[in-house]
Amino acid sequence: MRIKLSFDGYFDIRSDDHDTCFMDYLEISRSGNFQKDSQRYCGQTRPKTIMSTTNRVELKFVTDCCEEGRGFKLRYDIIPSWSVTPTRPTERYQPVPCSMTDCGKPQELLPRIVGGEEYTEYKHPWLVAIFDEYNAFICVGSLVSRSHVLTAAHCCDGQKGLSVKTGVHRLTDGPLQAVQRCHMHPHYRKRNLVNDIALIELTVSVNYNEFQRPICLPLGAKDMVGKDGIIAGWGRESYGGRDRQTPKEANVPFVAQSECTTKYGAIILESNICAGGDVEDDLPG
């Protein structure tokens, strides 16, 4: 069986100015184990229906001594396992594969020094350099399709006349390509960089070749804790320093969300990816 949580009527838990659910909040674990998963809720936006992933669920309501909201009304229902199992259609069909077969992977994964080091040209052909209206380099993105670049929302926020360069190794190489538009996450918040992600739509589609092809995206949720990722881009030698004309790369280990929360507190949200350890990420975007 599973447990369904439904919020009826009003939902009013006092939140701070940054909506980080730090002072007062309702925390729910869909698996019934806060060590595995949890989500905090606060403010006046009523959460959608929540379905547990096991036969138990854990809830924790936290409030401080100061100020208060009206609270909330919560109903739970027990759902038999047979009622939540989807039925297979009777007609015959052929599933359409969603994975991209011609995406790229780096040729090697070697230990990297802190701050990164240069690598063979075009080792990461999905790298995209992003420039502002004055043709100044501001951010790095990753090519995810022939016409879309994945980057951070703060790279688009307040910008006009963005342009990009694809298939280049040096920032001075290649022509600038105008951007059609930038689709920022609808719930992006500039103050605390919540949902700091965006898709840049290109005016002209990219032709895949050995110098430019999309990055491979992970299929489904995977536990990456303990594994290494790679950051790559036109980074800086130091904070406030000048951007290098050639890209660098560095290994960054994925860290458990609980470790980040212990170190940084409420600024770490469920939508964040914790990685880096003692390695500094000097790559804008």
Foldseek 3Di string as FASTA:
>chain_A
DKKKKAWDDWAAWDADPVRLCFAWWKKKALAQDVQVDIATDHHTDGDHMDIHPDHDMDMDTHHDDDDGIPHTDMDMDDDDPVVPDDDDDPDDDDDDDDFDPPADDAPDDDAADFPFDFDDALSQQQWKFKAAQVRHTFAIWGDAFQWKTKGWQVSVPPTDFMWMDGLDFFSPDDDTFTWPDKAQDPPADPVLRPSGMIMITGPGTHDDDSRHGGHGDDDDDDDQAPHKDKDKDQFAPDVVHDTGRGMGMHIKGWHRLVVVCVVPNSSRRPPDTHIHVPHDDRGHD
